Amino acid sequence: MKFESKTFLLKDGREALLRLPNEADAEAMLDYLRTTAGETDFLMRYPEECDQKYSLEGEKAIINRINASETELMLACFVEGELAGVCNLMFNNGMKTRHIAMVAIALVKKYWRLGIGSAMMRELIAIAEKREGVLQIELEFAEGNHRARAMYEKLGFRVTGVHPNAIMLKDGTLLNLYLMAKELKKR
């Protein structure tokens, strides 16, 4: 999908750049995946899984595939040249589900609480609202991720379901995944 790069101000006064990633970002994207996976138990991977699952060439291929897609969008946020976070928007193709879009987001911990997550989510919501036939946007969050839940609720999402014991941590702790949805205002 196409996206015009945008800048916005962070709560600390710095400027952030939101844009499509490109092949030159692949190494930073891999580092981001490892870093974010190690900073919280609320993502669906551990750092060592990143090394097993992702390669530089594979990440370049993913970036190129998504950038060429009409149903997926990946946006990367950079602060002072450093990758701070990534978000994704996926539109369903099926006749019975094409009215639903899914979003996902993760930020490097040192960039939490600066307004990046809210800005990225508002951008994804605005894009979904402009897409013909899309009536609802959905996401999942892990039990205990109160900070993310509060942000999603502030943006108009509400809990609509639970996937019990969907995540098992290394220590055996089981976490639920919660589904949230936001009905879109159509323009």
N, C-alpha and C. Protein backbone atom coordinates (compact mmCIF):
# COMPACT_ATOMS: atom_id res chain seq x y z
N MET A 1 0.85 -1.17 0.00
CA MET A 1 0.00 0.00 0.00
C MET A 1 0.89 1.24 0.00
N LYS A 2 0.33 2.29 -0.48
CA LYS A 2 1.05 3.56 -0.50
C LYS A 2 0.81 4.31 0.79
N PHE A 3 1.81 5.09 1.18
CA PHE A 3 1.70 5.92 2.37
C PHE A 3 2.67 7.09 2.23
N GLU A 4 2.16 8.28 2.43
CA GLU A 4 3.01 9.48 2.42
C GLU A 4 3.63 9.63 3.80
N SER A 5 4.94 9.72 3.87
CA SER A 5 5.65 9.89 5.14
C SER A 5 5.10 11.10 5.89
N LYS A 6 5.08 10.98 7.21
CA LYS A 6 4.58 12.05 8.07
C LYS A 6 5.50 12.22 9.26
N THR A 7 5.56 13.43 9.76
CA THR A 7 6.28 13.68 11.00
C THR A 7 5.28 14.16 12.05
N PHE A 8 5.61 13.92 13.31
CA PHE A 8 4.79 14.40 14.42
C PHE A 8 5.69 14.63 15.62
N LEU A 9 5.24 15.46 16.54
CA LEU A 9 6.01 15.78 17.73
C LEU A 9 5.70 14.80 18.85
N LEU A 10 6.75 14.40 19.55
CA LEU A 10 6.61 13.54 20.72
C LEU A 10 6.33 14.40 21.94
N LYS A 11 5.88 13.76 23.01
CA LYS A 11 5.60 14.48 24.25
C LYS A 11 6.84 15.19 24.80
N ASP A 12 8.03 14.70 24.45
CA ASP A 12 9.26 15.33 24.95
C ASP A 12 9.80 16.39 23.99
N GLY A 13 9.04 16.70 22.93
CA GLY A 13 9.42 17.75 21.99
C GLY A 13 10.22 17.30 20.79
N ARG A 14 10.70 16.08 20.80
CA ARG A 14 11.43 15.57 19.64
C ARG A 14 10.46 15.27 18.51
N GLU A 15 11.00 15.16 17.31
CA GLU A 15 10.20 14.86 16.13
C GLU A 15 10.33 13.38 15.78
N ALA A 16 9.23 12.78 15.38
CA ALA A 16 9.21 11.38 14.94
C ALA A 16 8.79 11.34 13.48
N LEU A 17 9.34 10.41 12.75
CA LEU A 17 9.02 10.20 11.34
C LEU A 17 8.30 8.88 11.20
N LEU A 18 7.14 8.89 10.58
CA LEU A 18 6.35 7.70 10.30
C LEU A 18 6.38 7.46 8.80
N ARG A 19 6.88 6.28 8.38
CA ARG A 19 7.01 6.00 6.96
C ARG A 19 6.99 4.50 6.70
N LEU A 20 6.89 4.17 5.40
CA LEU A 20 7.03 2.78 5.00
C LEU A 20 8.47 2.34 5.22
N PRO A 21 8.69 1.14 5.73
CA PRO A 21 10.07 0.65 5.80
C PRO A 21 10.53 0.25 4.40
N ASN A 22 11.85 0.17 4.23
CA ASN A 22 12.40 -0.30 2.96
C ASN A 22 13.52 -1.30 3.25
N GLU A 23 14.09 -1.86 2.21
CA GLU A 23 15.12 -2.89 2.38
C GLU A 23 16.27 -2.42 3.26
N ALA A 24 16.62 -1.14 3.16
CA ALA A 24 17.72 -0.62 3.96
C ALA A 24 17.42 -0.67 5.46
N ASP A 25 16.15 -0.82 5.83
CA ASP A 25 15.74 -0.89 7.23
C ASP A 25 15.72 -2.32 7.78
N ALA A 26 15.99 -3.30 6.94
CA ALA A 26 15.81 -4.70 7.34
C ALA A 26 16.63 -5.08 8.57
N GLU A 27 17.86 -4.66 8.65
CA GLU A 27 18.68 -5.01 9.81
C GLU A 27 18.12 -4.35 11.08
N ALA A 28 17.71 -3.09 10.98
CA ALA A 28 17.10 -2.41 12.12
C ALA A 28 15.80 -3.09 12.52
N MET A 29 15.06 -3.58 11.54
CA MET A 29 13.81 -4.29 11.84
C MET A 29 14.08 -5.58 12.62
N LEU A 30 15.12 -6.31 12.23
CA LEU A 30 15.48 -7.53 12.95
C LEU A 30 15.90 -7.21 14.39
N ASP A 31 16.70 -6.16 14.56
CA ASP A 31 17.10 -5.75 15.91
C ASP A 31 15.88 -5.36 16.74
N TYR A 32 14.96 -4.64 16.10
CA TYR A 32 13.72 -4.23 16.76
C TYR A 32 12.92 -5.45 17.23
N LEU A 33 12.79 -6.46 16.37
CA LEU A 33 12.05 -7.67 16.74
C LEU A 33 12.65 -8.33 17.96
N ARG A 34 13.99 -8.48 17.97
CA ARG A 34 14.68 -9.10 19.11
C ARG A 34 14.51 -8.25 20.37
N THR A 35 14.72 -6.95 20.22
CA THR A 35 14.66 -6.04 21.37
C THR A 35 13.28 -6.04 22.00
N THR A 36 12.25 -5.82 21.19
CA THR A 36 10.90 -5.74 21.75
C THR A 36 10.47 -7.07 22.37
N ALA A 37 10.88 -8.18 21.77
CA ALA A 37 10.53 -9.49 22.31
C ALA A 37 11.16 -9.72 23.67
N GLY A 38 12.32 -9.11 23.91
CA GLY A 38 13.00 -9.27 25.19
C GLY A 38 12.56 -8.29 26.26
N GLU A 39 11.82 -7.26 25.88
CA GLU A 39 11.44 -6.22 26.83
C GLU A 39 10.10 -6.45 27.50
N THR A 40 9.29 -7.36 26.99
CA THR A 40 7.97 -7.59 27.55
C THR A 40 7.52 -9.02 27.27
N ASP A 41 6.68 -9.54 28.13
CA ASP A 41 6.07 -10.85 27.90
C ASP A 41 4.77 -10.73 27.11
N PHE A 42 4.40 -9.52 26.70
CA PHE A 42 3.12 -9.30 26.06
C PHE A 42 3.15 -9.49 24.54
N LEU A 43 4.30 -9.78 23.96
CA LEU A 43 4.38 -10.08 22.53
C LEU A 43 4.35 -11.58 22.33
N MET A 44 4.12 -12.00 21.11
CA MET A 44 3.92 -13.43 20.82
C MET A 44 5.21 -14.17 20.47
N ARG A 45 6.36 -13.62 20.89
CA ARG A 45 7.62 -14.29 20.59
C ARG A 45 8.65 -13.97 21.67
N TYR A 46 9.65 -14.83 21.77
CA TYR A 46 10.82 -14.59 22.59
C TYR A 46 11.97 -14.18 21.67
N PRO A 47 12.99 -13.49 22.18
CA PRO A 47 14.10 -13.04 21.33
C PRO A 47 14.76 -14.17 20.54
N GLU A 48 14.95 -15.30 21.17
CA GLU A 48 15.63 -16.41 20.48
C GLU A 48 14.81 -16.94 19.30
N GLU A 49 13.50 -16.78 19.36
CA GLU A 49 12.66 -17.20 18.23
C GLU A 49 12.90 -16.30 17.02
N CYS A 50 13.23 -15.06 17.27
CA CYS A 50 13.51 -14.13 16.17
C CYS A 50 14.71 -14.62 15.37
N ASP A 51 15.75 -15.06 16.08
CA ASP A 51 16.95 -15.55 15.40
C ASP A 51 16.68 -16.83 14.63
N GLN A 52 15.77 -17.65 15.14
CA GLN A 52 15.43 -18.90 14.46
C GLN A 52 14.52 -18.67 13.26
N LYS A 53 13.66 -17.68 13.35
CA LYS A 53 12.60 -17.52 12.35
C LYS A 53 12.93 -16.50 11.27
N TYR A 54 13.71 -15.47 11.61
CA TYR A 54 13.92 -14.36 10.68
C TYR A 54 15.37 -14.25 10.24
N SER A 55 15.56 -13.86 8.98
CA SER A 55 16.89 -13.60 8.42
C SER A 55 16.86 -12.25 7.73
N LEU A 56 18.02 -11.71 7.43
CA LEU A 56 18.10 -10.42 6.76
C LEU A 56 17.40 -10.47 5.41
N GLU A 57 17.67 -11.50 4.63
CA GLU A 57 17.03 -11.62 3.32
C GLU A 57 15.53 -11.85 3.46
N GLY A 58 15.15 -12.63 4.46
CA GLY A 58 13.73 -12.87 4.70
C GLY A 58 13.00 -11.59 5.10
N GLU A 59 13.65 -10.77 5.92
CA GLU A 59 13.03 -9.51 6.35
C GLU A 59 12.89 -8.56 5.17
N LYS A 60 13.88 -8.53 4.31
CA LYS A 60 13.78 -7.70 3.10
C LYS A 60 12.61 -8.15 2.24
N ALA A 61 12.44 -9.46 2.12
CA ALA A 61 11.34 -10.01 1.32
C ALA A 61 9.99 -9.64 1.94
N ILE A 62 9.89 -9.71 3.27
CA ILE A 62 8.65 -9.35 3.95
C ILE A 62 8.32 -7.88 3.71
N ILE A 63 9.32 -7.02 3.86
CA ILE A 63 9.12 -5.58 3.64
C ILE A 63 8.62 -5.34 2.22
N ASN A 64 9.29 -5.94 1.24
CA ASN A 64 8.90 -5.74 -0.16
C ASN A 64 7.50 -6.28 -0.46
N ARG A 65 7.19 -7.46 0.11
CA ARG A 65 5.87 -8.05 -0.11
C ARG A 65 4.77 -7.16 0.46
N ILE A 66 4.96 -6.70 1.68
CA ILE A 66 3.94 -5.87 2.31
C ILE A 66 3.82 -4.52 1.60
N ASN A 67 4.94 -3.92 1.23
CA ASN A 67 4.89 -2.63 0.53
C ASN A 67 4.18 -2.74 -0.82
N ALA A 68 4.22 -3.92 -1.45
CA ALA A 68 3.56 -4.12 -2.74
C ALA A 68 2.10 -4.56 -2.59
N SER A 69 1.69 -4.88 -1.37
CA SER A 69 0.35 -5.42 -1.12
C SER A 69 -0.71 -4.32 -1.14
N GLU A 70 -1.90 -4.71 -1.56
CA GLU A 70 -3.06 -3.81 -1.48
C GLU A 70 -3.89 -4.07 -0.23
N THR A 71 -3.53 -5.12 0.52
CA THR A 71 -4.32 -5.48 1.70
C THR A 71 -3.51 -5.41 3.00
N GLU A 72 -2.24 -5.06 2.93
CA GLU A 72 -1.41 -4.95 4.13
C GLU A 72 -0.62 -3.66 4.10
N LEU A 73 -0.38 -3.13 5.28
CA LEU A 73 0.43 -1.92 5.42
C LEU A 73 1.30 -2.09 6.66
N MET A 74 2.58 -1.78 6.52
CA MET A 74 3.51 -1.75 7.64
C MET A 74 4.10 -0.34 7.70
N LEU A 75 4.04 0.27 8.87
CA LEU A 75 4.62 1.58 9.07
C LEU A 75 5.68 1.50 10.15
N ALA A 76 6.80 2.18 9.91
CA ALA A 76 7.89 2.23 10.87
C ALA A 76 8.02 3.65 11.39
N CYS A 77 8.27 3.79 12.68
CA CYS A 77 8.44 5.09 13.30
C CYS A 77 9.91 5.24 13.71
N PHE A 78 10.51 6.34 13.27
CA PHE A 78 11.91 6.62 13.57
C PHE A 78 12.01 7.89 14.40
N VAL A 79 12.87 7.84 15.41
CA VAL A 79 13.16 9.01 16.24
C VAL A 79 14.67 9.20 16.20
N GLU A 80 15.09 10.36 15.70
CA GLU A 80 16.51 10.67 15.57
C GLU A 80 17.24 9.54 14.83
N GLY A 81 16.59 9.00 13.80
CA GLY A 81 17.18 7.96 12.96
C GLY A 81 17.09 6.56 13.51
N GLU A 82 16.59 6.39 14.72
CA GLU A 82 16.49 5.07 15.36
C GLU A 82 15.06 4.54 15.24
N LEU A 83 14.94 3.26 14.91
CA LEU A 83 13.62 2.62 14.81
C LEU A 83 13.01 2.50 16.20
N ALA A 84 11.89 3.19 16.40
CA ALA A 84 11.23 3.23 17.70
C ALA A 84 10.05 2.26 17.79
N GLY A 85 9.40 1.99 16.65
CA GLY A 85 8.23 1.12 16.67
C GLY A 85 7.75 0.80 15.28
N VAL A 86 6.93 -0.23 15.21
CA VAL A 86 6.35 -0.68 13.95
C VAL A 86 4.89 -1.01 14.21
N CYS A 87 4.05 -0.69 13.23
CA CYS A 87 2.64 -1.07 13.31
C CYS A 87 2.22 -1.66 11.97
N ASN A 88 1.19 -2.49 12.02
CA ASN A 88 0.68 -3.16 10.82
C ASN A 88 -0.83 -3.01 10.76
N LEU A 89 -1.33 -2.94 9.53
CA LEU A 89 -2.75 -2.92 9.25
C LEU A 89 -3.00 -3.96 8.18
N MET A 90 -3.94 -4.87 8.44
CA MET A 90 -4.24 -5.94 7.51
C MET A 90 -5.74 -5.95 7.21
N PHE A 91 -6.07 -5.89 5.94
CA PHE A 91 -7.46 -5.94 5.50
C PHE A 91 -7.79 -7.36 5.07
N ASN A 92 -8.94 -7.86 5.48
CA ASN A 92 -9.38 -9.19 5.08
C ASN A 92 -9.88 -9.17 3.64
N ASN A 93 -9.71 -10.30 2.95
CA ASN A 93 -10.16 -10.44 1.56
C ASN A 93 -11.47 -11.19 1.42
N GLY A 94 -11.77 -12.05 2.38
CA GLY A 94 -12.94 -12.92 2.26
C GLY A 94 -14.25 -12.15 2.18
N MET A 95 -15.18 -12.69 1.44
CA MET A 95 -16.47 -12.03 1.25
C MET A 95 -17.17 -11.77 2.59
N LYS A 96 -17.05 -12.70 3.52
CA LYS A 96 -17.75 -12.57 4.79
C LYS A 96 -16.97 -11.75 5.82
N THR A 97 -15.69 -11.49 5.56
CA THR A 97 -14.87 -10.80 6.56
C THR A 97 -14.16 -9.55 6.03
N ARG A 98 -14.43 -9.15 4.81
CA ARG A 98 -13.70 -8.00 4.27
C ARG A 98 -14.10 -6.67 4.90
N HIS A 99 -15.10 -6.69 5.75
CA HIS A 99 -15.49 -5.48 6.48
C HIS A 99 -14.65 -5.26 7.74
N ILE A 100 -13.70 -6.18 8.00
CA ILE A 100 -12.87 -6.12 9.21
C ILE A 100 -11.41 -5.92 8.84
N ALA A 101 -10.74 -5.04 9.57
CA ALA A 101 -9.30 -4.85 9.45
C ALA A 101 -8.67 -5.22 10.80
N MET A 102 -7.44 -5.68 10.77
CA MET A 102 -6.71 -6.04 11.99
C MET A 102 -5.49 -5.13 12.11
N VAL A 103 -5.15 -4.76 13.34
CA VAL A 103 -3.96 -3.95 13.58
C VAL A 103 -3.07 -4.63 14.61
N ALA A 104 -1.79 -4.30 14.54
CA ALA A 104 -0.81 -4.77 15.51
C ALA A 104 0.24 -3.68 15.67
N ILE A 105 0.82 -3.60 16.85
CA ILE A 105 1.79 -2.54 17.13
C ILE A 105 2.73 -2.99 18.23
N ALA A 106 3.97 -2.53 18.16
CA ALA A 106 4.93 -2.73 19.25
C ALA A 106 5.97 -1.62 19.17
N LEU A 107 6.41 -1.19 20.34
CA LEU A 107 7.41 -0.14 20.44
C LEU A 107 8.58 -0.60 21.28
N VAL A 108 9.75 -0.10 20.97
CA VAL A 108 10.92 -0.30 21.81
C VAL A 108 10.65 0.42 23.14
N LYS A 109 10.96 -0.21 24.25
CA LYS A 109 10.57 0.28 25.57
C LYS A 109 11.01 1.71 25.85
N LYS A 110 12.18 2.10 25.40
CA LYS A 110 12.65 3.46 25.71
C LYS A 110 11.80 4.53 25.02
N TYR A 111 10.92 4.11 24.11
CA TYR A 111 10.02 5.04 23.42
C TYR A 111 8.58 4.96 23.92
N TRP A 112 8.34 4.17 24.96
CA TRP A 112 7.02 4.12 25.56
C TRP A 112 6.68 5.47 26.19
N ARG A 113 5.42 5.77 26.26
CA ARG A 113 4.87 6.95 26.95
C ARG A 113 5.26 8.28 26.31
N LEU A 114 5.59 8.27 25.04
CA LEU A 114 5.94 9.51 24.32
C LEU A 114 4.88 9.90 23.31
N GLY A 115 3.81 9.10 23.20
CA GLY A 115 2.74 9.40 22.25
C GLY A 115 2.88 8.71 20.91
N ILE A 116 3.91 7.89 20.74
CA ILE A 116 4.13 7.21 19.46
C ILE A 116 3.03 6.20 19.19
N GLY A 117 2.72 5.37 20.17
CA GLY A 117 1.69 4.34 19.98
C GLY A 117 0.35 4.94 19.60
N SER A 118 -0.06 5.99 20.29
CA SER A 118 -1.33 6.65 19.98
C SER A 118 -1.31 7.25 18.58
N ALA A 119 -0.20 7.90 18.22
CA ALA A 119 -0.11 8.51 16.89
C ALA A 119 -0.17 7.45 15.80
N MET A 120 0.53 6.34 16.01
CA MET A 120 0.52 5.26 15.01
C MET A 120 -0.88 4.66 14.89
N MET A 121 -1.52 4.41 16.03
CA MET A 121 -2.86 3.82 16.00
C MET A 121 -3.86 4.76 15.33
N ARG A 122 -3.78 6.06 15.63
CA ARG A 122 -4.69 7.02 14.99
C ARG A 122 -4.50 7.00 13.47
N GLU A 123 -3.26 6.86 13.02
CA GLU A 123 -2.99 6.81 11.59
C GLU A 123 -3.61 5.56 10.96
N LEU A 124 -3.45 4.42 11.62
CA LEU A 124 -4.04 3.18 11.10
C LEU A 124 -5.57 3.26 11.07
N ILE A 125 -6.15 3.82 12.11
CA ILE A 125 -7.61 3.97 12.15
C ILE A 125 -8.08 4.85 11.00
N ALA A 126 -7.39 5.96 10.76
CA ALA A 126 -7.77 6.88 9.68
C ALA A 126 -7.68 6.19 8.32
N ILE A 127 -6.66 5.39 8.12
CA ILE A 127 -6.51 4.67 6.85
C ILE A 127 -7.64 3.66 6.69
N ALA A 128 -7.95 2.93 7.76
CA ALA A 128 -9.03 1.93 7.70
C ALA A 128 -10.38 2.60 7.43
N GLU A 129 -10.60 3.78 8.02
CA GLU A 129 -11.87 4.49 7.81
C GLU A 129 -12.05 4.90 6.35
N LYS A 130 -10.97 5.14 5.66
CA LYS A 130 -11.05 5.56 4.26
C LYS A 130 -11.25 4.39 3.29
N ARG A 131 -11.02 3.18 3.76
CA ARG A 131 -11.11 2.01 2.88
C ARG A 131 -12.57 1.62 2.69
N GLU A 132 -12.97 1.50 1.48
CA GLU A 132 -14.34 1.13 1.12
C GLU A 132 -14.74 -0.19 1.77
N GLY A 133 -15.87 -0.19 2.45
CA GLY A 133 -16.45 -1.42 3.00
C GLY A 133 -15.93 -1.84 4.35
N VAL A 134 -14.90 -1.19 4.89
CA VAL A 134 -14.36 -1.58 6.19
C VAL A 134 -15.17 -0.89 7.29
N LEU A 135 -15.77 -1.70 8.14
CA LEU A 135 -16.66 -1.20 9.19
C LEU A 135 -16.09 -1.34 10.59
N GLN A 136 -15.06 -2.19 10.74
CA GLN A 136 -14.56 -2.49 12.07
C GLN A 136 -13.07 -2.76 12.02
N ILE A 137 -12.39 -2.34 13.07
CA ILE A 137 -10.96 -2.61 13.21
C ILE A 137 -10.77 -3.39 14.51
N GLU A 138 -9.93 -4.41 14.47
CA GLU A 138 -9.75 -5.30 15.62
C GLU A 138 -8.28 -5.46 15.97
N LEU A 139 -8.04 -5.86 17.21
CA LEU A 139 -6.68 -6.14 17.69
C LEU A 139 -6.77 -7.11 18.84
N GLU A 140 -5.62 -7.64 19.24
CA GLU A 140 -5.52 -8.50 20.41
C GLU A 140 -4.47 -7.92 21.35
N PHE A 141 -4.67 -8.10 22.65
CA PHE A 141 -3.64 -7.74 23.62
C PHE A 141 -3.59 -8.82 24.69
N ALA A 142 -2.42 -8.96 25.28
CA ALA A 142 -2.20 -9.99 26.29
C ALA A 142 -2.64 -9.51 27.67
N GLU A 143 -3.17 -10.44 28.42
CA GLU A 143 -3.57 -10.18 29.81
C GLU A 143 -2.43 -9.53 30.57
N GLY A 144 -2.76 -8.50 31.33
CA GLY A 144 -1.76 -7.80 32.12
C GLY A 144 -1.16 -6.58 31.44
N ASN A 145 -1.41 -6.42 30.16
CA ASN A 145 -0.86 -5.28 29.42
C ASN A 145 -1.81 -4.08 29.60
N HIS A 146 -1.84 -3.57 30.81
CA HIS A 146 -2.77 -2.51 31.18
C HIS A 146 -2.50 -1.21 30.43
N ARG A 147 -1.24 -0.92 30.18
CA ARG A 147 -0.85 0.31 29.48
C ARG A 147 -1.42 0.31 28.07
N ALA A 148 -1.25 -0.80 27.35
CA ALA A 148 -1.78 -0.90 25.98
C ALA A 148 -3.30 -0.86 26.00
N ARG A 149 -3.90 -1.59 26.93
CA ARG A 149 -5.37 -1.61 26.99
C ARG A 149 -5.92 -0.20 27.19
N ALA A 150 -5.31 0.56 28.08
CA ALA A 150 -5.77 1.93 28.34
C ALA A 150 -5.68 2.78 27.07
N MET A 151 -4.60 2.62 26.32
CA MET A 151 -4.46 3.38 25.07
C MET A 151 -5.54 2.98 24.08
N TYR A 152 -5.77 1.69 23.92
CA TYR A 152 -6.78 1.22 22.98
C TYR A 152 -8.17 1.74 23.37
N GLU A 153 -8.49 1.67 24.66
CA GLU A 153 -9.79 2.15 25.12
C GLU A 153 -9.92 3.65 24.88
N LYS A 154 -8.85 4.40 25.10
CA LYS A 154 -8.86 5.85 24.85
C LYS A 154 -9.17 6.13 23.38
N LEU A 155 -8.76 5.23 22.49
CA LEU A 155 -8.98 5.40 21.05
C LEU A 155 -10.32 4.82 20.59
N GLY A 156 -11.13 4.31 21.53
CA GLY A 156 -12.46 3.84 21.18
C GLY A 156 -12.63 2.35 21.01
N PHE A 157 -11.62 1.56 21.32
CA PHE A 157 -11.74 0.10 21.25
C PHE A 157 -12.43 -0.39 22.52
N ARG A 158 -13.11 -1.54 22.40
CA ARG A 158 -13.72 -2.17 23.56
C ARG A 158 -13.45 -3.66 23.50
N VAL A 159 -13.34 -4.29 24.66
CA VAL A 159 -13.10 -5.73 24.72
C VAL A 159 -14.34 -6.45 24.22
N THR A 160 -14.13 -7.39 23.30
CA THR A 160 -15.25 -8.13 22.72
C THR A 160 -15.13 -9.64 22.92
N GLY A 161 -13.98 -10.09 23.40
CA GLY A 161 -13.83 -11.52 23.59
C GLY A 161 -12.52 -11.87 24.26
N VAL A 162 -12.41 -13.15 24.64
CA VAL A 162 -11.21 -13.63 25.31
C VAL A 162 -10.82 -14.99 24.73
N HIS A 163 -9.54 -15.17 24.53
CA HIS A 163 -8.97 -16.46 24.15
C HIS A 163 -8.21 -16.95 25.38
N PRO A 164 -8.85 -17.83 26.17
CA PRO A 164 -8.24 -18.23 27.45
C PRO A 164 -6.95 -19.01 27.25
N ASN A 165 -5.98 -18.72 28.13
CA ASN A 165 -4.72 -19.45 28.16
C ASN A 165 -4.03 -19.50 26.80
N ALA A 166 -4.09 -18.42 26.06
CA ALA A 166 -3.55 -18.38 24.71
C ALA A 166 -2.03 -18.29 24.68
N ILE A 167 -1.43 -17.80 25.76
CA ILE A 167 0.02 -17.64 25.84
C ILE A 167 0.53 -18.41 27.04
N MET A 168 1.61 -19.17 26.83
CA MET A 168 2.28 -19.82 27.95
C MET A 168 3.71 -19.30 28.01
N LEU A 169 4.03 -18.65 29.12
CA LEU A 169 5.38 -18.12 29.31
C LEU A 169 6.33 -19.25 29.68
N LYS A 170 7.62 -18.96 29.63
CA LYS A 170 8.63 -19.98 29.93
C LYS A 170 8.46 -20.59 31.31
N ASP A 171 7.97 -19.80 32.26
CA ASP A 171 7.80 -20.31 33.63
C ASP A 171 6.49 -21.06 33.82
N GLY A 172 5.73 -21.24 32.73
CA GLY A 172 4.47 -21.96 32.80
C GLY A 172 3.25 -21.08 33.03
N THR A 173 3.44 -19.81 33.31
CA THR A 173 2.32 -18.90 33.50
C THR A 173 1.49 -18.82 32.23
N LEU A 174 0.18 -18.93 32.38
CA LEU A 174 -0.74 -18.82 31.25
C LEU A 174 -1.40 -17.45 31.25
N LEU A 175 -1.46 -16.85 30.07
CA LEU A 175 -2.09 -15.55 29.91
C LEU A 175 -3.21 -15.63 28.88
N ASN A 176 -4.28 -14.93 29.15
CA ASN A 176 -5.36 -14.82 28.17
C ASN A 176 -4.99 -13.77 27.12
N LEU A 177 -5.54 -13.93 25.94
CA LEU A 177 -5.50 -12.89 24.92
C LEU A 177 -6.89 -12.30 24.84
N TYR A 178 -6.98 -10.99 24.79
CA TYR A 178 -8.27 -10.32 24.69
C TYR A 178 -8.42 -9.71 23.30
N LEU A 179 -9.58 -9.90 22.72
CA LEU A 179 -9.92 -9.29 21.43
C LEU A 179 -10.61 -7.97 21.72
N MET A 180 -10.18 -6.94 20.99
CA MET A 180 -10.83 -5.64 21.08
C MET A 180 -11.27 -5.24 19.68
N ALA A 181 -12.34 -4.47 19.62
CA ALA A 181 -12.85 -3.99 18.34
C ALA A 181 -13.27 -2.54 18.46
N LYS A 182 -13.20 -1.87 17.34
CA LYS A 182 -13.65 -0.47 17.24
C LYS A 182 -14.48 -0.36 15.97
N GLU A 183 -15.73 0.09 16.12
CA GLU A 183 -16.55 0.34 14.96
C GLU A 183 -16.10 1.65 14.34
N LEU A 184 -15.97 1.65 13.02
CA LEU A 184 -15.43 2.81 12.31
C LEU A 184 -16.53 3.75 11.85
N LYS A 185 -16.20 5.01 11.89
CA LYS A 185 -17.09 6.03 11.33
C LYS A 185 -16.74 6.14 9.86
N LYS A 186 -17.70 5.96 9.01
CA LYS A 186 -17.44 6.00 7.58
C LYS A 186 -17.64 7.43 7.07
N ARG A 187 -16.73 7.84 6.21
CA ARG A 187 -16.80 9.19 5.65
C ARG A 187 -17.56 9.19 4.36
